[in-house]
């Protein structure tokens, strides 16, 4: 059985959609400005995919849903480690 590129692409899009900054802000319970700020830095905090040219808000930003979930997990893990280290001091 041969799988073409179109099938792989459509399956990936269904399983892991691209989110807008507004959708990410809603998922993170933050403002859209916070999402933009943490996506447009030289070293962005959020795992962003940039489309088009332009500084800051000049380009279109999208985020893989799975990467946002990983970001949440990583932040939770980091917070727990930091709390544990404070208790040990």
Protein backbone atom coordinates (compact mmCIF):
# COMPACT_ATOMS: atom_id res chain seq x y z
CA UNK A 1 0.00 0.00 0.00
CA UNK A 2 1.39 3.35 -1.03
CA UNK A 3 0.57 6.59 0.82
CA UNK A 4 0.87 9.83 -1.10
CA UNK A 5 2.00 13.19 0.30
CA UNK A 6 -1.56 14.57 0.22
CA UNK A 7 -2.80 11.82 2.57
CA UNK A 8 0.06 12.36 5.00
CA UNK A 9 -0.47 16.14 4.98
CA UNK A 10 -4.22 15.97 5.54
CA UNK A 11 -3.84 13.43 8.37
CA UNK A 12 -1.22 15.62 10.05
CA UNK A 13 -3.43 18.70 9.78
CA UNK A 14 -6.39 16.86 11.30
CA UNK A 15 -4.32 15.45 14.16
CA UNK A 16 -2.29 18.57 14.89
CA UNK A 17 -4.01 21.75 13.69
CA UNK A 18 -2.38 25.14 13.43
CA UNK A 19 -3.69 27.63 15.97
CA UNK A 20 -3.95 31.40 15.70
CA UNK A 21 -2.51 33.75 18.33
CA UNK A 22 -6.07 34.31 19.60
CA UNK A 23 -6.63 30.56 20.04
CA UNK A 24 -3.28 30.18 21.83
CA UNK A 25 -4.14 33.08 24.14
CA UNK A 26 -7.42 31.41 25.00
CA UNK A 27 -5.71 28.06 25.67
CA UNK A 28 -3.05 29.70 27.87
CA UNK A 29 -5.57 32.04 29.51
CA UNK A 30 -3.45 35.06 28.58
CA UNK A 31 -3.88 38.10 26.38
CA UNK A 32 -3.21 38.05 22.65
CA UNK A 33 -0.59 40.75 23.28
CA UNK A 34 1.28 38.36 25.60
CA UNK A 35 1.23 35.67 22.90
CA UNK A 36 2.51 38.13 20.28
CA UNK A 37 5.19 39.43 22.63
CA UNK A 38 6.49 35.95 23.41
CA UNK A 39 6.35 34.91 19.75
CA UNK A 40 8.15 37.81 18.09
CA UNK A 41 11.32 38.01 20.16
CA UNK A 42 14.68 37.01 18.70
CA UNK A 43 14.44 33.92 20.89
CA UNK A 44 10.69 33.30 21.21
CA UNK A 45 9.35 31.63 24.35
CA UNK A 46 6.46 30.08 22.43
CA UNK A 47 6.98 27.51 19.64
CA UNK A 48 5.88 29.67 16.73
CA UNK A 49 5.67 29.11 12.96
CA UNK A 50 6.11 32.35 11.01
CA UNK A 51 4.57 32.88 7.58
CA UNK A 52 5.64 35.83 5.48
CA UNK A 53 8.17 38.54 6.05
CA UNK A 54 8.00 41.47 8.31
CA UNK A 55 9.14 42.38 11.77
CA UNK A 56 6.85 41.82 14.73
CA UNK A 57 3.26 41.74 13.62
CA UNK A 58 4.21 42.04 9.95
CA UNK A 59 4.08 38.29 9.37
CA UNK A 60 1.40 35.73 10.12
CA UNK A 61 2.01 33.57 13.20
CA UNK A 62 0.68 30.06 13.78
CA UNK A 63 1.28 27.40 16.41
CA UNK A 64 0.99 23.61 16.30
CA UNK A 65 -1.52 22.53 18.94
CA UNK A 66 0.78 19.72 20.09
CA UNK A 67 3.69 22.15 20.59
CA UNK A 68 1.52 24.43 22.73
CA UNK A 69 0.59 21.44 24.89
CA UNK A 70 4.30 20.56 25.17
CA UNK A 71 5.01 24.16 26.18
CA UNK A 72 2.41 23.91 28.97
CA UNK A 73 3.90 20.63 30.19
CA UNK A 74 7.43 22.05 30.12
CA UNK A 75 6.37 25.16 32.03
CA UNK A 76 4.63 23.02 34.63
CA UNK A 77 7.72 20.84 35.01
CA UNK A 78 9.97 23.89 35.30
CA UNK A 79 7.68 25.41 37.95
CA UNK A 80 7.70 22.19 39.99
CA UNK A 81 11.51 21.94 39.84
CA UNK A 82 11.85 25.57 40.89
CA UNK A 83 9.50 25.02 43.85
CA UNK A 84 11.40 21.91 44.89
CA UNK A 85 14.73 23.75 44.74
CA UNK A 86 13.37 26.60 46.87
CA UNK A 87 12.24 24.12 49.54
CA UNK A 88 15.73 22.56 49.62
CA UNK A 89 17.46 25.90 50.23
